[in-house]
Amino acid sequence: MIRHRLPDDPAAVLVAGALALLLALAPLPFGGVTEGAALTLALAGCLLAALAAATAPSLAPLRTVRLPLLALAGLGILGLLQAVAWPAGVVARISPGHLRLATEAAGLGDGEAPARVALSLDPGASVRTGLWLLALAGLMVAAALAGDRRERRRWLLWGLLAGGLFQVLFGAQHWFVRATEIWGVPVPGDAGRLRGTYVNSDHLALYLELALAACFAWAYRSVRRLDPEQPLEARLVRLAGPLFAWLLLFAGLAFTGSRAGIAAAVGATALQGALLLRRAPGRRWLPLGALVLLGLGLAFAAAIGFEQAFGRLLGTSGFELTWNARSEAYLAALGLVPGYLWLGTGLGAFRDAFAAVQPAGIELLWRHLHNDWLELLLTAGVVGFGLLLAGLCGLGRRLLRVLRTGRRGEDRGAALAALGALAAAGLHSLLDFGLTMPANATALVILTAAAAAAHCHEQHP
């Protein structure tokens, strides 16, 4: 049967190309943390969402991401509302911790109890965080509208893989000479760990985990498309691309020295293998590919430099595994939750909240909690955390449907990549704050939204 492919819309191609460039280039300015880079990403999210929505023949693909989209938008609006000064009587009911601090501050200054109190300990930070979350919602809109065609999703895959491979090669060049500068700017941190254009090696690790999840799906599709009638050499050539990319990305991840990163990558790859077991019960050998890739990645990294790749992981002490500074910080932060139970201390206001309960043994200034899940509960409260869980449940459900009933193998491969990326980010975030890096959050949103928009045999998402 001859299939006639309709020409693609130029505006949609432009949006997909811009998203692919964002995936590759967003990490270059120190992971996107500079004010200019973050502002550029935020403006890009708004502009691409507007362009995609204005030129799309149908907005139906947005139904596939309606729950995560509403969750992101809801969190963004929550941040803006937290920055507003509310009547003291209202604050006393929904967030007594804020009223108590405001009253104590007024008492220290010999002033009257405030009539209005903001629901954030740092209103400016809450506004910035809220606007950033709304920009991420815009990127989700653009990615979902661009992701309903597989040709455009390929661009996104290549953008993410190109970005990941560049980070490894750029980081390796600096690692060999133990450079203490990035783009000519002196940066703190351990120069003996691969960090690419990120200041913190652990944050680069999360970006590489997302690229590894996409690379696994590429390898899976390549294996599925092998023709037994072809010569062995031709089949090996088809597998060479994803295999080489996987080995390079995994070795780069190992050389970051990120223990959370290695654990998250192994867990995400194992999950992808388990999903393949359910997806293709007649081909039980397929999930073994996950074990093979992990084994090859570990062996390749060890062959390059065992001590550099795994020395930090193997040198982890029992104290670090059971009770350490992070454990103390988690317990201290949990003590703040009851006073700010429903709406939190304010998005972006963790530093101000934690300063009041920071244990004496922790001397450094903590801007983040090294646990994105717990930090969100503290800063956004039960309401914000509930929004996140609802959005993740909706997104996961949609991706599983695409994996089961996607019209094409490429659609199912996109869902496999997105599910692996979600798993890696979720696991890594238990011990780090990698998703506070704009480049990492951008990559995760684009990858998952585009995959969720893939077509299923069922008409309703």
Protein backbone atom coordinates (compact mmCIF):
# COMPACT_ATOMS: atom_id res chain seq x y z
CA MET A 1 0.00 0.00 0.00
CA ILE A 2 1.35 3.41 -0.97
CA ARG A 3 1.19 5.98 1.78
CA HIS A 4 1.05 9.62 0.79
CA ARG A 5 2.69 11.80 3.38
CA LEU A 6 1.28 15.30 3.63
CA PRO A 7 3.83 18.12 3.53
CA ASP A 8 4.67 19.44 6.95
CA ASP A 9 3.60 22.87 8.11
CA PRO A 10 6.53 25.34 7.97
CA ALA A 11 5.58 26.93 11.29
CA ALA A 12 5.49 23.53 13.00
CA VAL A 13 8.89 22.71 11.52
CA LEU A 14 10.21 26.01 12.84
CA VAL A 15 8.87 25.25 16.33
CA ALA A 16 10.36 21.75 16.30
CA GLY A 17 13.71 23.07 15.11
CA ALA A 18 13.74 25.73 17.82
CA LEU A 19 12.92 23.13 20.49
CA ALA A 20 15.73 20.90 19.22
CA LEU A 21 18.15 23.81 19.47
CA LEU A 22 16.98 24.51 23.01
CA LEU A 23 17.63 20.90 23.97
CA ALA A 24 21.18 21.08 22.66
CA LEU A 25 22.13 24.64 23.59
CA ALA A 26 20.29 25.35 26.85
CA PRO A 27 23.04 23.75 29.03
CA LEU A 28 25.84 25.85 27.51
CA PRO A 29 25.56 28.88 29.83
CA PHE A 30 26.36 26.93 33.02
CA GLY A 31 23.23 24.76 32.79
CA GLY A 32 21.04 27.78 32.06
CA VAL A 33 21.38 29.29 35.54
CA THR A 34 22.56 32.74 34.49
CA GLU A 35 19.90 35.43 34.47
CA GLY A 36 20.25 35.97 30.74
CA ALA A 37 20.00 32.27 29.93
CA ALA A 38 16.99 31.71 32.18
CA LEU A 39 15.24 34.74 30.71
CA THR A 40 15.98 33.52 27.18
CA LEU A 41 14.50 30.10 27.95
CA ALA A 42 11.43 31.68 29.54
CA LEU A 43 10.83 33.99 26.58
CA ALA A 44 11.41 31.10 24.17
CA GLY A 45 8.76 29.07 25.98
CA CYS A 46 6.21 31.86 25.69
CA LEU A 47 6.98 32.69 22.05
CA LEU A 48 7.07 29.08 20.86
CA ALA A 49 3.82 28.28 22.66
CA ALA A 50 2.13 31.27 21.02
CA LEU A 51 3.50 30.41 17.57
CA ALA A 52 2.59 26.73 17.84
CA ALA A 53 -0.93 27.44 19.10
CA ALA A 54 -1.58 30.14 16.50
CA THR A 55 -0.46 28.05 13.52
CA ALA A 56 -1.48 24.50 14.53
CA PRO A 57 -4.34 23.08 12.45
CA SER A 58 -5.77 21.60 15.64
CA LEU A 59 -5.13 21.96 19.35
CA ALA A 60 -6.21 18.36 19.96
CA PRO A 61 -2.65 17.22 20.87
CA LEU A 62 -2.88 19.40 23.98
CA ARG A 63 -5.47 17.01 25.37
CA THR A 64 -2.72 14.42 25.70
CA VAL A 65 -0.86 16.61 28.21
CA ARG A 66 -3.79 18.36 29.83
CA LEU A 67 -3.09 17.10 33.37
CA PRO A 68 0.66 17.85 33.47
CA LEU A 69 0.00 21.14 31.68
CA LEU A 70 -2.59 22.16 34.26
CA ALA A 71 -0.24 21.05 37.04
CA LEU A 72 2.63 23.19 35.75
CA ALA A 73 0.36 26.17 35.19
CA GLY A 74 -1.21 25.65 38.61
CA LEU A 75 2.19 25.62 40.31
CA GLY A 76 3.17 28.77 38.45
CA ILE A 77 0.00 30.55 39.51
CA LEU A 78 0.54 29.33 43.07
CA GLY A 79 3.96 30.99 43.11
CA LEU A 80 2.44 34.29 42.00
CA LEU A 81 -0.33 34.05 44.60
CA GLN A 82 2.19 33.32 47.34
CA ALA A 83 3.85 36.66 46.63
CA VAL A 84 0.60 38.56 47.25
CA ALA A 85 -0.04 40.08 50.69
CA TRP A 86 -3.26 38.58 52.06
CA PRO A 87 -5.40 39.67 55.03
CA ALA A 88 -3.90 38.48 58.32
CA GLY A 89 -7.08 36.60 59.21
CA VAL A 90 -6.88 34.55 56.03
CA VAL A 91 -3.18 33.81 56.54
CA ALA A 92 -3.84 32.70 60.13
CA ARG A 93 -6.12 29.97 58.82
CA ILE A 94 -4.14 28.66 55.87
CA SER A 95 -0.51 29.36 56.83
CA PRO A 96 0.02 30.23 60.50
CA GLY A 97 3.79 30.05 60.12
CA HIS A 98 3.83 33.12 57.89
CA LEU A 99 1.68 35.13 60.30
CA ARG A 100 3.84 34.12 63.26
CA LEU A 101 7.04 35.26 61.56
CA ALA A 102 5.47 38.52 60.41
CA THR A 103 4.16 39.22 63.92
CA GLU A 104 7.55 38.45 65.47
CA ALA A 105 9.27 40.73 62.98
CA ALA A 106 6.82 43.53 63.76
CA GLY A 107 7.44 43.04 67.49
CA LEU A 108 11.19 43.32 67.04
CA GLY A 109 10.69 46.62 65.29
CA ASP A 110 8.23 47.94 67.89
CA GLY A 111 5.55 48.04 65.23
CA GLU A 112 1.96 46.89 65.09
CA ALA A 113 0.99 43.43 63.94
CA PRO A 114 0.70 43.49 60.13
CA ALA A 115 -2.76 43.68 58.59
CA ARG A 116 -1.63 41.87 55.45
CA VAL A 117 0.98 39.14 55.09
CA ALA A 118 2.51 37.50 52.02
CA LEU A 119 2.41 33.71 51.76
CA SER A 120 6.09 33.60 50.86
CA LEU A 121 9.21 34.26 52.89
CA ASP A 122 10.76 35.68 49.70
CA PRO A 123 7.99 37.10 47.47
CA GLY A 124 10.43 38.10 44.75
CA ALA A 125 11.79 34.56 44.45
CA SER A 126 8.25 33.16 44.37
CA VAL A 127 7.33 35.48 41.50
CA ARG A 128 10.42 34.44 39.54
CA THR A 129 9.78 30.76 40.18
CA GLY A 130 6.11 31.09 39.28
CA LEU A 131 6.90 32.82 36.00
CA TRP A 132 9.50 30.16 35.19
CA LEU A 133 6.96 27.39 35.78
CA LEU A 134 4.50 29.15 33.49
CA ALA A 135 7.25 29.35 30.86
CA LEU A 136 7.79 25.60 31.24
CA ALA A 137 4.06 25.16 30.65
CA GLY A 138 4.54 27.14 27.44
CA LEU A 139 7.35 24.81 26.38
CA MET A 140 5.05 21.87 27.09
CA VAL A 141 2.40 23.38 24.80
CA ALA A 142 4.95 23.88 22.01
CA ALA A 143 6.44 20.39 22.41
CA ALA A 144 3.04 18.67 22.44
CA LEU A 145 1.91 20.47 19.29
CA ALA A 146 5.24 19.76 17.58
CA GLY A 147 5.38 16.15 18.75
CA ASP A 148 2.34 14.80 16.94
CA ARG A 149 4.54 13.96 13.92
CA ARG A 150 7.41 11.53 14.20
CA GLU A 151 9.67 13.52 11.87
CA ARG A 152 9.61 16.42 14.30
CA ARG A 153 10.22 14.15 17.28
CA ARG A 154 13.37 12.91 15.57
CA TRP A 155 14.69 16.44 15.59
CA LEU A 156 14.15 16.58 19.33
CA LEU A 157 15.94 13.25 19.79
CA TRP A 158 18.94 14.45 17.79
CA GLY A 159 18.98 17.73 19.68
CA LEU A 160 19.10 16.01 23.06
CA LEU A 161 21.70 13.46 21.97
CA ALA A 162 23.85 16.15 20.36
CA GLY A 163 23.69 18.17 23.56
CA GLY A 164 24.61 15.17 25.70
CA LEU A 165 27.53 14.12 23.51
CA PHE A 166 28.84 17.68 23.39
CA GLN A 167 28.74 17.89 27.18
CA VAL A 168 30.79 14.70 27.46
CA LEU A 169 33.40 15.73 24.89
CA PHE A 170 33.66 19.31 26.14
CA GLY A 171 33.84 18.10 29.72
CA ALA A 172 36.48 15.50 28.86
CA GLN A 173 38.70 18.18 27.34
CA HIS A 174 38.52 20.20 30.56
CA TRP A 175 38.79 17.12 32.76
CA PHE A 176 42.09 16.04 31.23
CA VAL A 177 43.74 19.35 32.15
CA ARG A 178 41.78 19.73 35.42
CA ALA A 179 40.47 23.11 34.28
CA THR A 180 38.95 25.33 36.94
CA GLU A 181 37.25 27.60 34.42
CA ILE A 182 34.24 27.23 32.12
CA TRP A 183 34.07 29.64 29.18
CA GLY A 184 36.92 31.55 30.82
CA VAL A 185 34.98 32.08 34.05
CA PRO A 186 36.49 30.62 37.27
CA VAL A 187 34.03 28.21 38.88
CA PRO A 188 34.10 26.35 42.20
CA GLY A 189 33.87 22.59 42.52
CA ASP A 190 35.99 19.51 41.96
CA ALA A 191 37.86 19.75 38.66
CA GLY A 192 38.56 16.01 38.92
CA ARG A 193 34.91 15.27 38.11
CA LEU A 194 33.46 15.67 34.61
CA ARG A 195 31.03 18.59 34.56
CA GLY A 196 30.77 19.85 30.99
CA THR A 197 29.35 23.37 31.04
CA TYR A 198 27.68 22.84 34.44
CA VAL A 199 29.21 24.13 37.66
CA ASN A 200 27.96 21.08 39.57
CA SER A 201 28.82 17.65 38.17
CA ASP A 202 25.67 16.14 39.68
CA HIS A 203 23.54 18.48 37.58
CA LEU A 204 25.31 17.41 34.40
CA ALA A 205 24.64 13.82 35.43
CA LEU A 206 20.88 14.40 35.31
CA TYR A 207 21.09 15.88 31.81
CA LEU A 208 23.10 12.85 30.66
CA GLU A 209 20.52 10.52 32.23
CA LEU A 210 17.82 12.07 30.06
CA ALA A 211 20.00 11.60 26.98
CA LEU A 212 20.69 7.98 27.98
CA ALA A 213 16.95 7.27 28.24
CA ALA A 214 16.46 8.61 24.72
CA CYS A 215 19.48 6.65 23.48
CA PHE A 216 18.06 3.42 24.93
CA ALA A 217 14.87 3.93 22.94
CA TRP A 218 16.95 4.59 19.81
CA ALA A 219 18.83 1.33 20.38
CA TYR A 220 15.55 -0.54 20.92
CA ARG A 221 14.10 0.76 17.66
CA SER A 222 17.30 -0.11 15.81
CA VAL A 223 17.17 -3.69 17.09
CA ARG A 224 13.49 -4.03 16.18
CA ARG A 225 14.19 -2.87 12.62
CA LEU A 226 17.00 -5.33 11.96
CA ASP A 227 16.37 -7.51 8.93
CA PRO A 228 17.57 -11.11 9.43
CA GLU A 229 18.07 -11.33 5.67
CA GLN A 230 20.69 -8.59 5.73
CA PRO A 231 24.39 -9.43 6.05
CA LEU A 232 25.82 -9.32 9.55
CA GLU A 233 27.96 -6.32 8.64
CA ALA A 234 24.91 -4.30 7.63
CA ARG A 235 23.14 -5.10 10.88
CA LEU A 236 26.17 -4.14 12.94
CA VAL A 237 26.39 -0.83 11.11
CA ARG A 238 22.77 -0.09 12.02
CA LEU A 239 23.51 -0.77 15.70
CA ALA A 240 26.82 1.11 15.76
CA GLY A 241 25.26 4.57 16.14
CA PRO A 242 23.10 4.00 19.23
CA LEU A 243 25.69 1.70 20.82
CA PHE A 244 28.54 4.19 20.45
CA ALA A 245 26.36 7.04 21.73
CA TRP A 246 25.24 4.96 24.72
CA LEU A 247 28.80 4.02 25.68
CA LEU A 248 30.03 7.59 25.43
CA LEU A 249 27.10 9.00 27.41
CA PHE A 250 27.34 6.34 30.11
CA ALA A 251 31.10 6.82 30.45
CA GLY A 252 30.53 10.56 30.75
CA LEU A 253 27.93 9.95 33.44
CA ALA A 254 30.31 7.69 35.37
CA PHE A 255 33.08 10.29 35.19
CA THR A 256 30.83 12.92 36.76
CA GLY A 257 31.27 10.91 39.95
CA SER A 258 27.59 11.37 40.70
CA ARG A 259 26.43 8.47 42.85
CA ALA A 260 22.80 9.52 42.52
CA GLY A 261 23.30 9.82 38.77
CA ILE A 262 24.68 6.31 38.33
CA ALA A 263 21.97 4.81 40.54
CA ALA A 264 19.24 6.71 38.69
CA ALA A 265 20.57 5.70 35.27
CA VAL A 266 20.74 2.03 36.27
CA GLY A 267 17.23 2.18 37.74
CA ALA A 268 15.77 3.94 34.70
CA THR A 269 17.39 1.52 32.27
CA ALA A 270 16.13 -1.44 34.29
CA LEU A 271 12.63 0.04 34.18
CA GLN A 272 12.83 0.47 30.43
CA GLY A 273 13.86 -3.17 30.12
CA ALA A 274 10.95 -4.25 32.32
CA LEU A 275 8.55 -2.21 30.19
CA LEU A 276 9.84 -4.00 27.10
CA LEU A 277 9.15 -7.33 28.81
CA ARG A 278 5.48 -6.38 29.09
CA ARG A 279 5.41 -4.75 25.67
CA ALA A 280 6.80 -7.76 23.79
CA PRO A 281 6.13 -10.92 25.82
CA GLY A 282 6.91 -13.02 22.75
CA ARG A 283 10.38 -11.55 22.55
CA ARG A 284 11.68 -12.03 26.05
CA TRP A 285 15.21 -11.59 24.83
CA LEU A 286 14.59 -7.88 24.19
CA PRO A 287 14.72 -6.80 27.86
CA LEU A 288 18.10 -8.48 28.11
CA GLY A 289 19.30 -5.63 25.95
CA ALA A 290 18.99 -3.37 28.99
CA LEU A 291 21.36 -5.61 30.95
CA VAL A 292 23.72 -5.81 27.99
CA LEU A 293 23.82 -2.04 27.60
CA LEU A 294 24.41 -1.53 31.31
CA GLY A 295 27.16 -4.13 31.31
CA LEU A 296 28.84 -2.59 28.27
CA GLY A 297 28.55 0.90 29.74
CA LEU A 298 30.08 -0.16 33.06
CA ALA A 299 32.87 -2.06 31.32
CA PHE A 300 33.62 0.80 28.93
CA ALA A 301 33.81 3.36 31.74
CA ALA A 302 35.98 1.04 33.84
CA ALA A 303 38.32 0.42 30.91
CA ILE A 304 38.85 4.16 30.46
CA GLY A 305 39.53 4.78 34.14
CA PHE A 306 38.10 2.61 36.90
CA GLU A 307 39.17 4.83 39.79
CA GLN A 308 37.98 8.03 38.12
CA ALA A 309 34.65 6.52 37.10
CA PHE A 310 33.70 4.51 40.16
CA GLY A 311 36.14 5.47 42.92
CA ARG A 312 33.74 7.94 44.53
CA LEU A 313 30.87 5.45 44.39
CA LEU A 314 32.88 2.58 45.83
CA GLY A 315 34.39 4.85 48.47
CA THR A 316 30.98 5.70 49.93
CA SER A 317 31.07 5.07 53.67
CA GLY A 318 28.41 3.54 55.84
CA PHE A 319 27.85 6.94 57.46
CA GLU A 320 27.10 8.48 54.06
CA LEU A 321 24.60 5.71 53.31
CA THR A 322 22.74 5.94 56.61
CA TRP A 323 23.13 9.27 58.39
CA ASN A 324 24.83 12.35 57.00
CA ALA A 325 24.40 16.09 56.58
CA ARG A 326 21.60 15.59 54.09
CA SER A 327 19.70 13.36 56.50
CA GLU A 328 20.00 16.02 59.19
CA ALA A 329 18.81 18.66 56.74
CA TYR A 330 15.82 16.56 55.68
CA LEU A 331 14.69 16.10 59.28
CA ALA A 332 15.12 19.79 60.02
CA ALA A 333 13.15 20.76 56.91
CA LEU A 334 10.34 18.35 57.78
CA GLY A 335 9.97 20.18 61.07
CA LEU A 336 8.91 23.28 59.12
CA VAL A 337 6.12 21.56 57.20
CA PRO A 338 3.34 21.72 59.87
CA GLY A 339 3.52 25.51 60.11
CA TYR A 340 3.27 25.88 56.33
CA LEU A 341 1.29 22.74 55.60
CA TRP A 342 -1.13 23.82 52.88
CA LEU A 343 0.69 26.37 50.74
CA GLY A 344 4.32 26.05 51.85
CA THR A 345 6.91 28.67 52.67
CA GLY A 346 6.88 30.06 49.14
CA LEU A 347 8.27 28.70 45.88
CA GLY A 348 11.92 29.65 45.61
CA ALA A 349 12.07 30.60 49.28
CA PHE A 350 13.79 27.48 50.62
CA ARG A 351 16.96 29.32 51.64
CA ASP A 352 15.05 31.78 53.82
CA ALA A 353 12.93 29.05 55.40
CA PHE A 354 15.79 26.64 56.08
CA ALA A 355 17.97 29.29 57.72
CA ALA A 356 15.68 29.23 60.77
CA VAL A 357 16.17 25.49 61.39
CA GLN A 358 19.56 24.77 59.83
CA PRO A 359 21.48 22.36 62.12
CA ALA A 360 24.62 23.74 63.70
CA GLY A 361 26.69 20.99 62.10
CA ILE A 362 25.82 22.25 58.62
CA GLU A 363 27.95 25.33 58.06
CA LEU A 364 27.44 26.06 54.37
CA LEU A 365 24.57 28.13 53.02
CA TRP A 366 21.97 25.78 51.58
CA ARG A 367 20.04 27.28 48.69
CA HIS A 368 18.35 23.95 47.96
CA LEU A 369 17.59 20.84 49.98
CA HIS A 370 19.31 18.21 47.78
CA ASN A 371 15.88 16.59 47.45
CA ASP A 372 13.54 18.17 44.91
CA TRP A 373 10.54 16.22 46.20
CA LEU A 374 10.88 17.33 49.81
CA GLU A 375 11.80 20.88 48.82
CA LEU A 376 8.62 21.19 46.77
CA LEU A 377 6.54 19.91 49.69
CA LEU A 378 8.16 22.50 51.95
CA THR A 379 7.89 25.45 49.55
CA ALA A 380 4.55 24.67 47.84
CA GLY A 381 2.78 22.75 50.59
CA VAL A 382 0.29 19.94 50.22
CA VAL A 383 -1.56 21.88 47.51
CA GLY A 384 1.51 22.28 45.30
CA PHE A 385 2.75 18.76 45.95
CA GLY A 386 -0.69 17.40 45.10
CA LEU A 387 -0.65 19.30 41.81
CA LEU A 388 2.70 17.73 40.97
CA LEU A 389 1.52 14.20 41.75
CA ALA A 390 -1.67 14.67 39.72
CA GLY A 391 0.31 15.93 36.75
CA LEU A 392 2.82 13.09 36.96
CA CYS A 393 0.06 10.48 37.21
CA GLY A 394 -1.67 11.89 34.15
CA LEU A 395 1.57 12.06 32.18
CA GLY A 396 2.66 8.56 33.17
CA ARG A 397 -0.74 7.13 32.28
CA ARG A 398 -0.63 8.75 28.85
CA LEU A 399 2.92 7.57 28.14
CA LEU A 400 2.03 4.01 29.12
CA ARG A 401 -0.91 4.15 26.72
CA VAL A 402 1.35 5.31 23.89
CA LEU A 403 3.79 2.51 24.73
CA ARG A 404 1.00 -0.07 24.55
CA THR A 405 -1.05 1.21 21.63
CA GLY A 406 1.12 3.63 19.67
CA ARG A 407 0.37 3.51 15.96
CA ARG A 408 4.01 3.14 14.96
CA GLY A 409 7.03 1.62 16.55
CA GLU A 410 8.60 5.06 16.57
CA ASP A 411 5.69 6.36 18.64
CA ARG A 412 6.19 3.58 21.16
CA GLY A 413 9.92 4.24 21.22
CA ALA A 414 9.28 7.89 22.09
CA ALA A 415 7.11 6.81 25.02
CA LEU A 416 9.82 4.40 26.18
CA ALA A 417 12.37 7.23 26.14
CA ALA A 418 10.06 9.58 28.06
CA LEU A 419 9.22 6.99 30.71
CA GLY A 420 12.91 6.29 31.22
CA ALA A 421 13.62 10.02 31.50
CA LEU A 422 10.84 10.47 34.07
CA ALA A 423 12.17 7.56 36.12
CA ALA A 424 15.74 8.86 36.01
CA ALA A 425 14.70 12.37 37.02
CA GLY A 426 12.48 11.08 39.81
CA LEU A 427 15.18 8.86 41.27
CA HIS A 428 17.93 11.45 40.95
CA SER A 429 15.74 14.09 42.58
CA LEU A 430 15.58 12.04 45.77
CA LEU A 431 19.18 13.04 46.49
CA ASP A 432 19.79 16.20 44.50
CA PHE A 433 18.23 19.35 43.08
CA GLY A 434 19.06 18.85 39.40
CA LEU A 435 15.64 19.96 38.17
CA THR A 436 16.25 23.45 39.52
CA MET A 437 18.68 23.79 36.60
CA PRO A 438 16.67 25.44 33.78
CA ALA A 439 18.35 23.35 31.08
CA ASN A 440 17.44 20.07 32.79
CA ALA A 441 13.83 21.05 33.43
CA THR A 442 13.53 22.24 29.83
CA ALA A 443 14.85 18.95 28.46
CA LEU A 444 12.53 16.85 30.62
CA VAL A 445 9.43 18.87 29.71
CA ILE A 446 10.12 18.86 25.97
CA LEU A 447 10.98 15.15 25.81
CA THR A 448 7.95 13.96 27.77
CA ALA A 449 5.41 16.32 26.19
CA ALA A 450 6.46 15.42 22.65
CA ALA A 451 6.24 11.70 23.43
CA ALA A 452 2.83 12.08 25.06
CA ALA A 453 1.51 13.68 21.86
CA ALA A 454 2.34 10.60 19.77
CA HIS A 455 -0.66 8.97 18.12
CA CYS A 456 -2.39 5.91 19.57
CA HIS A 457 -4.82 3.50 17.97
CA GLU A 458 -7.44 4.82 20.37
CA GLN A 459 -8.72 8.21 19.40
CA HIS A 460 -9.09 9.54 22.93
CA PRO A 461 -6.00 10.24 25.04
